[in-house]
PDB file of N, CA and C in Angstrom:
ATOM      1  N   MET A   1      66.293 190.580-167.138  1.00  0.00           N
ATOM      2  CA  MET A   1      67.546 191.040-167.678  1.00  0.00           C
ATOM      3  C   MET A   1      68.423 189.860-168.084  1.00  0.00           C
ATOM      4  N   PHE A   2      68.439 188.824-167.289  1.00  0.00           N
ATOM      5  CA  PHE A   2      69.263 187.651-167.598  1.00  0.00           C
ATOM      6  C   PHE A   2      68.365 186.513-168.049  1.00  0.00           C
ATOM      7  N   SER A   3      68.852 185.740-168.989  1.00  0.00           N
ATOM      8  CA  SER A   3      68.039 184.661-169.537  1.00  0.00           C
ATOM      9  C   SER A   3      67.967 183.464-168.600  1.00  0.00           C
ATOM     10  N   THR A   4      68.963 183.296-167.751  1.00  0.00           N
ATOM     11  CA  THR A   4      68.960 182.166-166.809  1.00  0.00           C
ATOM     12  C   THR A   4      69.465 182.618-165.446  1.00  0.00           C
ATOM     13  N   LYS A   5      69.154 181.809-164.456  1.00  0.00           N
ATOM     14  CA  LYS A   5      69.638 182.085-163.106  1.00  0.00           C
ATOM     15  C   LYS A   5      71.161 181.982-163.058  1.00  0.00           C
ATOM     16  N   VAL A   6      71.716 181.043-163.796  1.00  0.00           N
ATOM     17  CA  VAL A   6      73.174 180.864-163.831  1.00  0.00           C
ATOM     18  C   VAL A   6      73.847 182.118-164.388  1.00  0.00           C
ATOM     19  N   ALA A   7      73.274 182.674-165.447  1.00  0.00           N
ATOM     20  CA  ALA A   7      73.845 183.891-166.036  1.00  0.00           C
ATOM     21  C   ALA A   7      73.798 185.044-165.025  1.00  0.00           C
ATOM     22  N   ALA A   8      72.704 185.152-164.289  1.00  0.00           N
ATOM     23  CA  ALA A   8      72.581 186.205-163.280  1.00  0.00           C
ATOM     24  C   ALA A   8      73.597 186.000-162.165  1.00  0.00           C
ATOM     25  N   GLU A   9      73.779 184.757-161.733  1.00  0.00           N
ATOM     26  CA  GLU A   9      74.748 184.466-160.668  1.00  0.00           C
ATOM     27  C   GLU A   9      76.170 184.757-161.122  1.00  0.00           C
ATOM     28  N   ARG A  10      76.483 184.433-162.369  1.00  0.00           N
ATOM     29  CA  ARG A  10      77.819 184.735-162.900  1.00  0.00           C
ATOM     30  C   ARG A  10      78.070 186.242-162.918  1.00  0.00           C
ATOM     31  N   HIS A  11      77.061 186.967-163.338  1.00  0.00           N
ATOM     32  CA  HIS A  11      77.195 188.426-163.376  1.00  0.00           C
ATOM     33  C   HIS A  11      77.400 188.972-161.961  1.00  0.00           C
ATOM     34  N   GLY A  12      76.621 188.472-161.018  1.00  0.00           N
ATOM     35  CA  GLY A  12      76.769 188.900-159.631  1.00  0.00           C
ATOM     36  C   GLY A  12      78.148 188.597-159.082  1.00  0.00           C
ATOM     37  N   ALA A  13      78.658 187.416-159.392  1.00  0.00           N
ATOM     38  CA  ALA A  13      79.998 187.043-158.928  1.00  0.00           C
ATOM     39  C   ALA A  13      81.058 187.944-159.555  1.00  0.00           C
ATOM     40  N   ALA A  14      80.892 188.275-160.823  1.00  0.00           N
ATOM     41  CA  ALA A  14      81.849 189.165-161.497  1.00  0.00           C
ATOM     42  C   ALA A  14      81.820 190.555-160.875  1.00  0.00           C
ATOM     43  N   MET A  15      80.630 191.043-160.515  1.00  0.00           N
ATOM     44  CA  MET A  15      80.522 192.361-159.873  1.00  0.00           C
ATOM     45  C   MET A  15      81.196 192.344-158.507  1.00  0.00           C
ATOM     46  N   GLU A  16      81.023 191.255-157.759  1.00  0.00           N
ATOM     47  CA  GLU A  16      81.668 191.143-156.445  1.00  0.00           C
ATOM     48  C   GLU A  16      83.190 191.120-156.589  1.00  0.00           C
ATOM     49  N   THR A  17      83.677 190.396-157.586  1.00  0.00           N
ATOM     50  CA  THR A  17      85.121 190.336-157.830  1.00  0.00           C
ATOM     51  C   THR A  17      85.651 191.718-158.205  1.00  0.00           C
ATOM     52  N   ASP A  18      84.939 192.408-159.093  1.00  0.00           N
ATOM     53  CA  ASP A  18      85.344 193.763-159.473  1.00  0.00           C
ATOM     54  C   ASP A  18      85.378 194.684-158.259  1.00  0.00           C
ATOM     55  N   GLY A  19      84.386 194.559-157.384  1.00  0.00           N
ATOM     56  CA  GLY A  19      84.344 195.375-156.178  1.00  0.00           C
ATOM     57  C   GLY A  19      85.521 195.089-155.265  1.00  0.00           C
ATOM     58  N   ALA A  20      85.854 193.825-155.105  1.00  0.00           N
ATOM     59  CA  ALA A  20      86.978 193.443-154.249  1.00  0.00           C
ATOM     60  C   ALA A  20      88.297 193.965-154.801  1.00  0.00           C
ATOM     61  N   ARG A  21      88.402 194.062-156.115  1.00  0.00           N
ATOM     62  CA  ARG A  21      89.624 194.570-156.760  1.00  0.00           C
ATOM     63  C   ARG A  21      89.656 196.092-156.819  1.00  0.00           C
ATOM     64  N   GLY A  22      88.536 196.708-156.489  1.00  0.00           N
ATOM     65  CA  GLY A  22      88.452 198.171-156.607  1.00  0.00           C
ATOM     66  C   GLY A  22      88.207 198.616-158.029  1.00  0.00           C
ATOM     67  N   GLU A  23      87.655 197.733-158.855  1.00  0.00           N
ATOM     68  CA  GLU A  23      87.442 198.028-160.268  1.00  0.00           C
ATOM     69  C   GLU A  23      85.966 198.166-160.643  1.00  0.00           C
ATOM     70  N   TYR A  24      85.076 198.090-159.656  1.00  0.00           N
ATOM     71  CA  TYR A  24      83.648 198.164-159.945  1.00  0.00           C
ATOM     72  C   TYR A  24      83.278 199.570-160.402  1.00  0.00           C
ATOM     73  N   ILE A  25      82.504 199.651-161.453  1.00  0.00           N
ATOM     74  CA  ILE A  25      82.003 200.929-161.955  1.00  0.00           C
ATOM     75  C   ILE A  25      80.486 200.884-161.882  1.00  0.00           C
ATOM     76  N   ASP A  26      79.922 201.802-161.123  1.00  0.00           N
ATOM     77  CA  ASP A  26      78.479 201.881-160.954  1.00  0.00           C
ATOM     78  C   ASP A  26      77.841 202.242-162.291  1.00  0.00           C
ATOM     79  N   PRO A  27      76.920 201.422-162.796  1.00  0.00           N
ATOM     80  CA  PRO A  27      76.299 201.725-164.090  1.00  0.00           C
ATOM     81  C   PRO A  27      75.473 203.006-164.075  1.00  0.00           C
ATOM     82  N   ASN A  28      75.078 203.466-162.901  1.00  0.00           N
ATOM     83  CA  ASN A  28      74.302 204.708-162.805  1.00  0.00           C
ATOM     84  C   ASN A  28      75.180 205.935-162.623  1.00  0.00           C
ATOM     85  N   ALA A  29      76.468 205.748-162.472  1.00  0.00           N
ATOM     86  CA  ALA A  29      77.373 206.860-162.177  1.00  0.00           C
ATOM     87  C   ALA A  29      77.352 207.927-163.266  1.00  0.00           C
ATOM     88  N   GLY A  30      77.224 207.559-164.498  1.00  0.00           N
ATOM     89  CA  GLY A  30      77.256 208.523-165.592  1.00  0.00           C
ATOM     90  C   GLY A  30      75.946 209.233-165.846  1.00  0.00           C
ATOM     91  N   LYS A  31      74.931 208.964-165.045  1.00  0.00           N
ATOM     92  CA  LYS A  31      73.623 209.561-165.281  1.00  0.00           C
ATOM     93  C   LYS A  31      73.464 210.938-164.644  1.00  0.00           C
ATOM     94  N   VAL A  32      74.382 211.307-163.760  1.00  0.00           N
ATOM     95  CA  VAL A  32      74.324 212.628-163.124  1.00  0.00           C
ATOM     96  C   VAL A  32      75.171 213.575-163.965  1.00  0.00           C
ATOM     97  N   PRO A  33      74.580 214.668-164.449  1.00  0.00           N
ATOM     98  CA  PRO A  33      75.344 215.614-165.273  1.00  0.00           C
ATOM     99  C   PRO A  33      76.545 216.187-164.510  1.00  0.00           C
ATOM    100  N   PHE A  34      77.611 216.421-165.244  1.00  0.00           N
ATOM    101  CA  PHE A  34      78.834 216.935-164.629  1.00  0.00           C
ATOM    102  C   PHE A  34      78.579 218.238-163.880  1.00  0.00           C
ATOM    103  N   GLU A  35      77.759 219.099-164.428  1.00  0.00           N
ATOM    104  CA  GLU A  35      77.501 220.393-163.782  1.00  0.00           C
ATOM    105  C   GLU A  35      76.893 220.194-162.387  1.00  0.00           C
ATOM    106  N   VAL A  36      76.039 219.191-162.222  1.00  0.00           N
ATOM    107  CA  VAL A  36      75.441 218.909-160.912  1.00  0.00           C
ATOM    108  C   VAL A  36      76.519 218.444-159.937  1.00  0.00           C
ATOM    109  N   VAL A  37      77.393 217.539-160.391  1.00  0.00           N
ATOM    110  CA  VAL A  37      78.481 217.054-159.546  1.00  0.00           C
ATOM    111  C   VAL A  37      79.419 218.205-159.189  1.00  0.00           C
ATOM    112  N   ALA A  38      79.729 219.026-160.171  1.00  0.00           N
ATOM    113  CA  ALA A  38      80.628 220.160-159.945  1.00  0.00           C
ATOM    114  C   ALA A  38      80.041 221.140-158.926  1.00  0.00           C
ATOM    115  N   ASP A  39      78.743 221.412-159.025  1.00  0.00           N
ATOM    116  CA  ASP A  39      78.104 222.318-158.059  1.00  0.00           C
ATOM    117  C   ASP A  39      78.151 221.735-156.650  1.00  0.00           C
ATOM    118  N   ARG A  40      77.911 220.436-156.534  1.00  0.00           N
ATOM    119  CA  ARG A  40      77.995 219.787-155.217  1.00  0.00           C
ATOM    120  C   ARG A  40      79.411 219.907-154.651  1.00  0.00           C
ATOM    121  N   TRP A  41      80.387 219.662-155.513  1.00  0.00           N
ATOM    122  CA  TRP A  41      81.780 219.754-155.073  1.00  0.00           C
ATOM    123  C   TRP A  41      82.093 221.172-154.615  1.00  0.00           C
ATOM    124  N   LEU A  42      81.681 222.141-155.417  1.00  0.00           N
ATOM    125  CA  LEU A  42      81.973 223.543-155.098  1.00  0.00           C
ATOM    126  C   LEU A  42      81.362 223.935-153.750  1.00  0.00           C
ATOM    127  N   LYS A  43      80.134 223.514-153.507  1.00  0.00           N
ATOM    128  CA  LYS A  43      79.464 223.830-152.241  1.00  0.00           C
ATOM    129  C   LYS A  43      80.104 223.124-151.052  1.00  0.00           C
ATOM    130  N   SER A  44      80.802 222.036-151.302  1.00  0.00           N
ATOM    131  CA  SER A  44      81.411 221.271-150.202  1.00  0.00           C
ATOM    132  C   SER A  44      82.769 221.842-149.776  1.00  0.00           C
ATOM    133  N   ARG A  45      83.331 222.761-150.558  1.00  0.00           N
ATOM    134  CA  ARG A  45      84.641 223.343-150.241  1.00  0.00           C
ATOM    135  C   ARG A  45      84.516 224.347-149.108  1.00  0.00           C
ATOM    136  N   VAL A  46      85.436 224.290-148.190  1.00  0.00           N
ATOM    137  CA  VAL A  46      85.505 225.275-147.108  1.00  0.00           C
ATOM    138  C   VAL A  46      86.775 226.088-147.355  1.00  0.00           C
ATOM    139  N   VAL A  47      86.593 227.216-148.039  1.00  0.00           N
ATOM    140  CA  VAL A  47      87.734 228.067-148.417  1.00  0.00           C
ATOM    141  C   VAL A  47      87.364 229.524-148.184  1.00  0.00           C
ATOM    142  N   ASP A  48      88.367 230.375-148.276  1.00  0.00           N
ATOM    143  CA  ASP A  48      88.120 231.806-148.122  1.00  0.00           C
ATOM    144  C   ASP A  48      87.319 232.316-149.324  1.00  0.00           C
ATOM    145  N   PRO A  49      86.637 233.445-149.191  1.00  0.00           N
ATOM    146  CA  PRO A  49      85.791 233.962-150.268  1.00  0.00           C
ATOM    147  C   PRO A  49      86.512 234.156-151.602  1.00  0.00           C
ATOM    148  N   ALA A  50      87.748 234.630-151.563  1.00  0.00           N
ATOM    149  CA  ALA A  50      88.484 234.849-152.816  1.00  0.00           C
ATOM    150  C   ALA A  50      88.718 233.529-153.545  1.00  0.00           C
ATOM    151  N   SER A  51      89.062 232.491-152.806  1.00  0.00           N
ATOM    152  CA  SER A  51      89.273 231.176-153.430  1.00  0.00           C
ATOM    153  C   SER A  51      87.960 230.629-153.980  1.00  0.00           C
ATOM    154  N   ALA A  52      86.871 230.810-153.249  1.00  0.00           N
ATOM    155  CA  ALA A  52      85.569 230.338-153.708  1.00  0.00           C
ATOM    156  C   ALA A  52      85.199 230.994-155.038  1.00  0.00           C
ATOM    157  N   ILE A  53      85.440 232.294-155.142  1.00  0.00           N
ATOM    158  CA  ILE A  53      85.157 233.016-156.388  1.00  0.00           C
ATOM    159  C   ILE A  53      86.036 232.488-157.521  1.00  0.00           C
ATOM    160  N   ARG A  54      87.307 232.274-157.233  1.00  0.00           N
ATOM    161  CA  ARG A  54      88.233 231.760-158.243  1.00  0.00           C
ATOM    162  C   ARG A  54      87.819 230.361-158.699  1.00  0.00           C
ATOM    163  N   TYR A  55      87.466 229.481-157.759  1.00  0.00           N
ATOM    164  CA  TYR A  55      87.026 228.122-158.110  1.00  0.00           C
ATOM    165  C   TYR A  55      85.789 228.167-158.991  1.00  0.00           C
ATOM    166  N   GLU A  56      84.815 228.987-158.588  1.00  0.00           N
ATOM    167  CA  GLU A  56      83.575 229.051-159.361  1.00  0.00           C
ATOM    168  C   GLU A  56      83.828 229.599-160.758  1.00  0.00           C
ATOM    169  N   SER A  57      84.652 230.622-160.860  1.00  0.00           N
ATOM    170  CA  SER A  57      84.968 231.205-162.160  1.00  0.00           C
ATOM    171  C   SER A  57      85.653 230.191-163.069  1.00  0.00           C
ATOM    172  N   SER A  58      86.625 229.472-162.529  1.00  0.00           N
ATOM    173  CA  SER A  58      87.339 228.458-163.318  1.00  0.00           C
ATOM    174  C   SER A  58      86.397 227.346-163.768  1.00  0.00           C
ATOM    175  N   LEU A  59      85.542 226.919-162.861  1.00  0.00           N
ATOM    176  CA  LEU A  59      84.594 225.855-163.179  1.00  0.00           C
ATOM    177  C   LEU A  59      83.636 226.284-164.280  1.00  0.00           C
ATOM    178  N   ARG A  60      83.076 227.470-164.159  1.00  0.00           N
ATOM    179  CA  ARG A  60      82.140 227.956-165.186  1.00  0.00           C
ATOM    180  C   ARG A  60      82.837 228.097-166.539  1.00  0.00           C
ATOM    181  N   ARG A  61      84.079 228.568-166.527  1.00  0.00           N
ATOM    182  CA  ARG A  61      84.831 228.712-167.775  1.00  0.00           C
ATOM    183  C   ARG A  61      85.038 227.341-168.430  1.00  0.00           C
ATOM    184  N   MET A  62      85.383 226.338-167.635  1.00  0.00           N
ATOM    185  CA  MET A  62      85.578 224.986-168.178  1.00  0.00           C
ATOM    186  C   MET A  62      84.274 224.413-168.720  1.00  0.00           C
ATOM    187  N   LEU A  63      83.181 224.669-168.013  1.00  0.00           N
ATOM    188  CA  LEU A  63      81.889 224.163-168.474  1.00  0.00           C
ATOM    189  C   LEU A  63      81.493 224.809-169.794  1.00  0.00           C
ATOM    190  N   ARG A  64      81.727 226.107-169.931  1.00  0.00           N
ATOM    191  CA  ARG A  64      81.414 226.790-171.203  1.00  0.00           C
ATOM    192  C   ARG A  64      82.246 226.199-172.341  1.00  0.00           C
ATOM    193  N   ARG A  65      83.536 225.977-172.071  1.00  0.00           N
ATOM    194  CA  ARG A  65      84.412 225.412-173.130  1.00  0.00           C
ATOM    195  C   ARG A  65      83.974 224.022-173.522  1.00  0.00           C
ATOM    196  N   SER A  66      83.629 223.190-172.533  1.00  0.00           N
ATOM    197  CA  SER A  66      83.254 221.808-172.848  1.00  0.00           C
ATOM    198  C   SER A  66      81.920 221.720-173.574  1.00  0.00           C
ATOM    199  N   SER A  67      81.066 222.732-173.383  1.00  0.00           N
ATOM    200  CA  SER A  67      79.765 222.703-174.062  1.00  0.00           C
ATOM    201  C   SER A  67      79.823 223.394-175.421  1.00  0.00           C
ATOM    202  N   GLY A  68      80.974 223.988-175.754  1.00  0.00           N
ATOM    203  CA  GLY A  68      81.129 224.651-177.043  1.00  0.00           C
ATOM    204  C   GLY A  68      80.536 226.037-177.082  1.00  0.00           C
ATOM    205  N   SER A  69      80.322 226.626-175.900  1.00  0.00           N
ATOM    206  CA  SER A  69      79.712 227.960-175.838  1.00  0.00           C
ATOM    207  C   SER A  69      80.729 229.095-175.935  1.00  0.00           C
ATOM    208  N   GLY A  70      81.968 228.786-176.242  1.00  0.00           N
ATOM    209  CA  GLY A  70      82.979 229.837-176.337  1.00  0.00           C
ATOM    210  C   GLY A  70      83.825 229.877-175.094  1.00  0.00           C
ATOM    211  N   SER A  71      84.731 230.875-175.045  1.00  0.00           N
ATOM    212  CA  SER A  71      85.658 230.936-173.900  1.00  0.00           C
ATOM    213  C   SER A  71      85.385 232.037-172.947  1.00  0.00           C
TER     214      SER A  71
END
């Protein structure tokens, strides 16, 4: 990936600095589809049944809109 060891070390140092500042962005973070993340989030909620239904309905509606499938 890097042409020299120095270039790799510079990149590593920059990643460490970004992490220390709270600015590091995982390059793999965007590889998980939003719907998968949303389903995980929804399953992690501990709410009453009515709220769970409302959350799921709102989420599905937003996903349909973002995919262009209508409202």
